[in-house]
Amino acid sequence: MLETSARLLRLLSLLQARQDWPGAALAERLGVSERTVRRDVDRLRELGYPVNSTRGTDGGYRLGAGSVMPPLLLDDEEAVAVAVGLRTAAGGTIAGIEETSVRALAKLEQVLPSRLRHRVNALQTYVEPVPADGPGPVVDPGVLTTLAAACRDGERVRFDYRAHDGSAGVRIAEPHRLVSWGRRWYLVAWDVDRQDWRTFRVDRVEPRTPTGPRFPPRDPPEGGAAAYVARGVSAAAWRHWARVVVHAPADVVTGRVNPAVGVVEAVDGHTCVLSTGADSLHVIAVYLGMLDLDFEVTGPPELVEHMRALTARYARSTPALTDR
């Protein structure tokens, strides 16, 4: 009986880990016959877990949605990740989930083993987020979960999209990744009509249901989803931006900047251009100072004036020493 119960828990964990499982694959992972898998699936159904099955050579099992939320099985790393995520969400930019996140976190922490509770508390105590330049748009959690599921399952999405100029239209896309950049969420997806990669502001997306059909995976955009977002939306998202000549090789500068800070373009073996920006001139100045390299700022005019003001302020802070 104990062995059967442990196997049921293992089977449930596998079904929760991904959407579809062939019966033969489950049997191999559990070290039992496919007939035993069928019996164990029936036991899970008796316990209230809605396990759907399909017949045929491509048949298998899928954990479906039921009328009530069944218990979830989380390993140690998943439990810590969920707890940290809930604490972050309590003060995040996803609409209407702050109070819900606190309630869910209270339930989770009540049953966390002591060793995991200490890990969560340590992360919360010793990690400090960098304050954002200002408030960002709030997104609907339902939209985020719908898009995340479509990314996971490789299903096309149709959605109404409002562009930055106010125009609206229906888009069809093959979703790849969701990227949290600054105070905004972006969907990186292959635009079916335009036959190219695109980024979409999630707060401007209104998905149409159902999703589908499925599509084969594509090679991601160059540098990955996060770098693609940085390249594609930086100028539009920033209130202030600039192209700064840096007197250092491109690979050196690339190693010192996060993709969210800017994009580096090589000029020659000793010089490159950093396209960077932020919602504040102060933040751009911080980025440039952290390079610890020689650079030239030629524009925009307000950034040039800001850098000159900083130069004078720093000069005043270090008066010349008098001879004694």
Protein backbone atom coordinates (compact mmCIF):
# COMPACT_ATOMS: atom_id res chain seq x y z
CA MET A 1 0.00 0.00 0.00
CA LEU A 2 2.82 2.40 0.88
CA GLU A 3 4.55 1.67 -2.44
CA THR A 4 1.31 2.28 -4.35
CA SER A 5 0.69 5.59 -2.58
CA ALA A 6 4.22 6.78 -3.32
CA ARG A 7 3.79 5.83 -6.97
CA LEU A 8 0.49 7.74 -7.16
CA LEU A 9 2.20 10.85 -5.82
CA ARG A 10 5.01 10.41 -8.37
CA LEU A 11 2.46 9.96 -11.17
CA LEU A 12 0.59 13.07 -10.08
CA SER A 13 3.82 15.05 -10.00
CA LEU A 14 4.63 13.96 -13.57
CA LEU A 15 1.17 14.87 -14.83
CA GLN A 16 1.51 18.33 -13.27
CA ALA A 17 4.96 18.86 -14.81
CA ARG A 18 3.85 18.99 -18.45
CA GLN A 19 0.64 18.97 -20.45
CA ASP A 20 0.69 15.63 -22.31
CA TRP A 21 2.19 12.29 -21.38
CA PRO A 22 2.16 9.15 -23.57
CA GLY A 23 1.25 6.09 -21.53
CA ALA A 24 4.49 4.34 -22.48
CA ALA A 25 6.56 7.31 -21.29
CA LEU A 26 4.79 7.37 -17.92
CA ALA A 27 5.29 3.63 -17.52
CA GLU A 28 9.01 4.01 -18.25
CA ARG A 29 9.43 6.88 -15.78
CA LEU A 30 7.58 5.00 -13.04
CA GLY A 31 9.15 1.61 -13.78
CA VAL A 32 5.81 -0.16 -14.16
CA SER A 33 3.65 -1.55 -16.95
CA GLU A 34 1.18 0.54 -18.95
CA ARG A 35 -1.61 -1.51 -17.38
CA THR A 36 -0.45 -0.37 -13.94
CA VAL A 37 -0.41 3.22 -15.19
CA ARG A 38 -4.05 2.85 -16.30
CA ARG A 39 -5.02 1.54 -12.87
CA ASP A 40 -3.17 4.36 -11.12
CA VAL A 41 -4.86 6.93 -13.36
CA ASP A 42 -8.24 5.46 -12.34
CA ARG A 43 -7.26 5.85 -8.68
CA LEU A 44 -6.37 9.51 -9.24
CA ARG A 45 -9.76 10.05 -10.87
CA GLU A 46 -11.45 8.51 -7.82
CA LEU A 47 -9.57 11.06 -5.68
CA GLY A 48 -10.99 13.90 -7.77
CA TYR A 49 -8.14 14.57 -10.20
CA PRO A 50 -9.54 15.07 -13.75
CA VAL A 51 -7.10 12.99 -15.79
CA ASN A 52 -8.14 12.91 -19.45
CA SER A 53 -6.98 10.17 -21.80
CA THR A 54 -6.89 9.65 -25.56
CA ARG A 55 -6.57 6.36 -27.42
CA GLY A 56 -4.48 5.39 -30.43
CA THR A 57 -0.78 5.44 -31.28
CA ASP A 58 -0.54 9.09 -30.22
CA GLY A 59 -2.72 8.57 -27.17
CA GLY A 60 -1.77 9.52 -23.66
CA TYR A 61 -2.83 11.34 -20.53
CA ARG A 62 -3.42 14.96 -19.61
CA LEU A 63 -4.32 16.50 -16.26
CA GLY A 64 -7.40 18.57 -17.04
CA ALA A 65 -9.29 21.28 -15.22
CA GLY A 66 -11.85 20.18 -12.67
CA SER A 67 -14.68 21.79 -10.76
CA VAL A 68 -12.42 22.36 -7.74
CA MET A 69 -8.72 23.07 -7.32
CA PRO A 70 -6.94 19.80 -6.45
CA PRO A 71 -3.83 19.74 -4.24
CA LEU A 72 -0.58 20.53 -6.06
CA LEU A 73 2.71 18.73 -5.52
CA LEU A 74 5.77 21.00 -5.38
CA ASP A 75 9.38 19.98 -4.90
CA ASP A 76 11.66 22.09 -2.69
CA GLU A 77 12.87 24.40 -5.46
CA GLU A 78 9.35 24.92 -6.82
CA ALA A 79 7.98 25.73 -3.35
CA VAL A 80 10.68 28.34 -2.73
CA ALA A 81 10.13 29.85 -6.19
CA VAL A 82 6.37 30.11 -5.65
CA ALA A 83 6.79 31.70 -2.22
CA VAL A 84 9.28 34.29 -3.50
CA GLY A 85 7.07 34.98 -6.51
CA LEU A 86 4.03 35.55 -4.32
CA ARG A 87 5.92 38.00 -2.13
CA THR A 88 7.08 39.87 -5.20
CA ALA A 89 3.59 39.88 -6.71
CA ALA A 90 2.17 41.44 -3.56
CA GLY A 91 3.84 44.70 -4.56
CA GLY A 92 4.01 44.25 -8.32
CA THR A 93 2.30 45.67 -11.38
CA ILE A 94 -0.22 42.90 -12.02
CA ALA A 95 -3.72 44.23 -11.43
CA GLY A 96 -5.78 43.00 -8.51
CA ILE A 97 -3.57 40.21 -7.19
CA GLU A 98 -1.82 41.95 -4.29
CA GLU A 99 -4.28 40.82 -1.60
CA THR A 100 -4.74 37.41 -3.24
CA SER A 101 -0.97 36.91 -3.29
CA VAL A 102 -0.73 37.66 0.43
CA ARG A 103 -3.47 35.12 1.22
CA ALA A 104 -1.87 32.44 -0.93
CA LEU A 105 1.53 33.15 0.59
CA ALA A 106 0.13 32.77 4.11
CA LYS A 107 -1.28 29.33 3.23
CA LEU A 108 1.97 28.22 1.60
CA GLU A 109 4.25 29.40 4.40
CA GLN A 110 2.05 27.66 6.96
CA VAL A 111 2.96 24.27 5.51
CA LEU A 112 6.53 24.97 4.38
CA PRO A 113 9.14 22.84 6.17
CA SER A 114 11.43 24.84 8.42
CA ARG A 115 14.43 24.45 6.09
CA LEU A 116 12.47 25.98 3.18
CA ARG A 117 10.95 28.74 5.30
CA HIS A 118 14.46 29.85 6.28
CA ARG A 119 15.49 29.98 2.60
CA VAL A 120 12.48 32.08 1.66
CA ASN A 121 13.03 34.47 4.58
CA ALA A 122 16.70 34.83 3.71
CA LEU A 123 15.88 35.74 0.12
CA GLN A 124 13.29 38.25 1.25
CA THR A 125 15.58 39.82 3.88
CA TYR A 126 18.78 40.12 1.89
CA VAL A 127 17.50 40.94 -1.60
CA GLU A 128 16.50 44.54 -2.29
CA PRO A 129 14.86 45.49 -5.61
CA VAL A 130 16.06 48.59 -7.44
CA PRO A 131 13.28 51.20 -7.39
CA ALA A 132 11.80 51.86 -10.80
CA ASP A 133 11.92 55.27 -12.43
CA GLY A 134 8.16 55.59 -12.08
CA PRO A 135 4.88 53.69 -12.07
CA GLY A 136 4.29 51.37 -14.99
CA PRO A 137 1.10 50.15 -16.68
CA VAL A 138 -0.85 47.49 -14.84
CA VAL A 139 -1.57 44.21 -16.63
CA ASP A 140 -4.43 41.75 -16.23
CA PRO A 141 -3.24 38.49 -14.57
CA GLY A 142 -5.67 36.54 -16.75
CA VAL A 143 -3.96 37.86 -19.87
CA LEU A 144 -0.53 36.92 -18.50
CA THR A 145 -1.60 33.36 -17.67
CA THR A 146 -3.31 32.90 -21.04
CA LEU A 147 -0.20 34.03 -22.92
CA ALA A 148 2.13 32.01 -20.68
CA ALA A 149 0.07 28.86 -21.29
CA ALA A 150 0.14 29.47 -25.06
CA CYS A 151 3.94 29.85 -24.91
CA ARG A 152 4.21 26.62 -22.95
CA ASP A 153 1.87 24.62 -25.19
CA GLY A 154 3.07 26.06 -28.50
CA GLU A 155 -0.39 27.30 -29.52
CA ARG A 156 -1.18 30.26 -31.75
CA VAL A 157 -2.99 33.21 -30.21
CA ARG A 158 -5.40 35.72 -31.73
CA PHE A 159 -5.78 39.00 -29.91
CA ASP A 160 -6.95 42.56 -30.25
CA TYR A 161 -3.96 44.87 -30.01
CA ARG A 162 -3.80 48.61 -29.39
CA ALA A 163 -0.62 50.11 -30.84
CA HIS A 164 1.30 53.05 -29.34
CA ASP A 165 -0.36 55.46 -31.81
CA GLY A 166 -3.83 54.42 -30.65
CA SER A 167 -4.71 52.29 -33.69
CA ALA A 168 -6.24 48.88 -33.03
CA GLY A 169 -6.42 45.61 -34.93
CA VAL A 170 -6.49 41.83 -34.65
CA ARG A 171 -3.12 40.07 -34.60
CA ILE A 172 -2.26 36.40 -35.02
CA ALA A 173 1.00 35.27 -33.44
CA GLU A 174 3.03 32.28 -32.34
CA PRO A 175 4.05 33.20 -28.76
CA HIS A 176 7.61 32.51 -27.63
CA ARG A 177 8.33 34.21 -24.29
CA LEU A 178 7.00 36.79 -21.84
CA VAL A 179 9.60 39.36 -20.77
CA SER A 180 9.37 41.65 -17.76
CA TRP A 181 11.41 44.70 -18.73
CA GLY A 182 11.55 47.70 -16.41
CA ARG A 183 7.96 48.26 -15.27
CA ARG A 184 6.37 46.69 -18.34
CA TRP A 185 5.50 43.21 -19.64
CA TYR A 186 6.17 42.24 -23.26
CA LEU A 187 5.20 39.25 -25.38
CA VAL A 188 7.87 38.12 -27.84
CA ALA A 189 6.12 36.28 -30.67
CA TRP A 190 6.31 35.41 -34.36
CA ASP A 191 3.77 37.60 -36.17
CA VAL A 192 2.04 35.26 -38.64
CA ASP A 193 0.83 38.01 -40.99
CA ARG A 194 4.13 39.91 -41.06
CA GLN A 195 6.27 36.75 -41.03
CA ASP A 196 8.73 38.21 -38.55
CA TRP A 197 9.44 38.49 -34.83
CA ARG A 198 7.55 41.20 -32.97
CA THR A 199 7.14 42.49 -29.42
CA PHE A 200 3.72 43.33 -27.98
CA ARG A 201 2.96 45.30 -24.83
CA VAL A 202 0.90 42.91 -22.69
CA ASP A 203 -1.17 45.73 -21.18
CA ARG A 204 -2.41 46.45 -24.72
CA VAL A 205 -3.32 42.82 -25.52
CA GLU A 206 -6.87 41.42 -25.33
CA PRO A 207 -6.70 37.69 -26.16
CA ARG A 208 -9.43 35.95 -28.08
CA THR A 209 -10.28 32.38 -27.11
CA PRO A 210 -9.76 29.59 -27.76
CA THR A 211 -6.06 29.41 -28.58
CA GLY A 212 -4.63 27.17 -31.29
CA PRO A 213 -3.72 25.47 -33.48
CA ARG A 214 -0.31 24.24 -32.41
CA PHE A 215 2.84 25.27 -34.24
CA PRO A 216 6.36 23.81 -34.46
CA PRO A 217 8.97 25.67 -32.38
CA ARG A 218 11.17 28.25 -34.13
CA ASP A 219 14.71 29.33 -33.43
CA PRO A 220 14.47 32.29 -31.02
CA PRO A 221 15.44 35.80 -32.17
CA GLU A 222 19.14 36.61 -32.05
CA GLY A 223 20.39 36.93 -28.49
CA GLY A 224 17.20 35.57 -26.95
CA ALA A 225 13.89 37.11 -25.97
CA ALA A 226 15.21 39.58 -23.37
CA ALA A 227 17.85 41.03 -25.71
CA TYR A 228 15.29 41.25 -28.50
CA VAL A 229 12.94 43.27 -26.28
CA ALA A 230 15.80 45.58 -25.28
CA ARG A 231 16.68 46.22 -28.91
CA GLY A 232 13.13 46.58 -30.13
CA VAL A 233 11.35 48.68 -27.53
CA SER A 234 14.05 50.70 -25.81
CA ALA A 235 13.68 53.93 -27.80
CA ALA A 236 9.88 53.80 -27.62
CA ALA A 237 9.79 52.93 -23.92
CA TRP A 238 12.33 55.45 -22.65
CA ARG A 239 11.49 59.07 -21.96
CA HIS A 240 15.14 60.02 -22.62
CA TRP A 241 17.63 58.16 -24.79
CA ALA A 242 21.04 58.70 -26.31
CA ARG A 243 23.75 57.17 -28.47
CA VAL A 244 27.05 57.41 -26.62
CA VAL A 245 30.49 56.77 -28.13
CA VAL A 246 32.52 54.57 -25.79
CA HIS A 247 36.30 54.27 -26.21
CA ALA A 248 36.52 50.54 -25.68
CA PRO A 249 35.90 47.36 -27.72
CA ALA A 250 32.28 46.33 -28.11
CA ASP A 251 32.76 43.02 -26.30
CA VAL A 252 34.15 44.85 -23.25
CA VAL A 253 31.15 47.19 -23.07
CA THR A 254 28.69 44.36 -23.71
CA GLY A 255 30.09 42.54 -20.70
CA ARG A 256 29.36 45.56 -18.50
CA VAL A 257 25.78 46.36 -19.49
CA ASN A 258 22.57 44.43 -18.99
CA PRO A 259 20.44 43.94 -22.14
CA ALA A 260 17.79 46.11 -20.45
CA VAL A 261 20.29 48.99 -20.24
CA GLY A 262 21.06 49.29 -23.90
CA VAL A 263 22.45 47.88 -27.13
CA VAL A 264 26.12 47.96 -28.13
CA GLU A 265 27.27 48.40 -31.75
CA ALA A 266 30.93 48.01 -32.74
CA VAL A 267 32.57 50.87 -34.69
CA ASP A 268 36.06 49.41 -34.88
CA GLY A 269 38.34 47.34 -32.70
CA HIS A 270 38.70 50.11 -30.12
CA THR A 271 35.41 52.02 -30.23
CA CYS A 272 31.69 51.25 -30.03
CA VAL A 273 28.35 53.02 -29.68
CA LEU A 274 26.03 52.38 -26.74
CA SER A 275 22.36 53.12 -27.40
CA THR A 276 20.87 53.60 -23.96
CA GLY A 277 18.16 55.48 -22.14
CA ALA A 278 15.75 55.64 -19.23
CA ASP A 279 12.82 57.59 -17.91
CA SER A 280 15.28 59.84 -16.05
CA LEU A 281 18.48 61.64 -17.04
CA HIS A 282 19.88 60.72 -13.62
CA VAL A 283 19.57 57.02 -14.45
CA ILE A 284 21.40 57.42 -17.79
CA ALA A 285 24.23 59.17 -15.96
CA VAL A 286 24.44 56.28 -13.51
CA TYR A 287 24.61 53.76 -16.38
CA LEU A 288 27.45 55.68 -18.02
CA GLY A 289 29.35 56.09 -14.76
CA MET A 290 29.15 52.37 -14.07
CA LEU A 291 30.92 51.62 -17.35
CA ASP A 292 34.19 52.89 -15.80
CA LEU A 293 35.36 53.73 -19.32
CA ASP A 294 36.00 56.88 -21.35
CA PHE A 295 32.98 58.00 -23.38
CA GLU A 296 31.59 61.00 -25.29
CA VAL A 297 28.09 62.40 -24.90
CA THR A 298 27.04 64.57 -27.86
CA GLY A 299 23.27 64.52 -27.41
CA PRO A 300 20.50 64.99 -26.72
CA PRO A 301 21.09 68.56 -25.44
CA GLU A 302 19.35 67.98 -22.10
CA LEU A 303 21.66 65.03 -21.36
CA VAL A 304 24.73 67.09 -22.31
CA GLU A 305 23.65 69.84 -19.89
CA HIS A 306 22.95 67.27 -17.17
CA MET A 307 26.41 65.70 -17.56
CA ARG A 308 28.05 69.17 -17.42
CA ALA A 309 26.13 69.95 -14.23
CA LEU A 310 27.31 66.66 -12.72
CA THR A 311 30.89 67.41 -13.76
CA ALA A 312 30.79 70.78 -12.00
CA ARG A 313 29.21 69.24 -8.91
CA TYR A 314 31.87 66.53 -8.69
CA ALA A 315 34.61 69.14 -9.19
CA ARG A 316 33.23 71.20 -6.30
CA SER A 317 33.20 68.11 -4.12
CA THR A 318 36.99 67.70 -4.49
CA PRO A 319 38.59 71.12 -3.88
CA ALA A 320 42.29 71.49 -4.64
CA LEU A 321 44.56 70.73 -1.74
CA THR A 322 46.61 73.68 -0.48
CA ASP A 323 50.33 73.29 0.11
CA ARG A 324 51.28 73.00 3.74
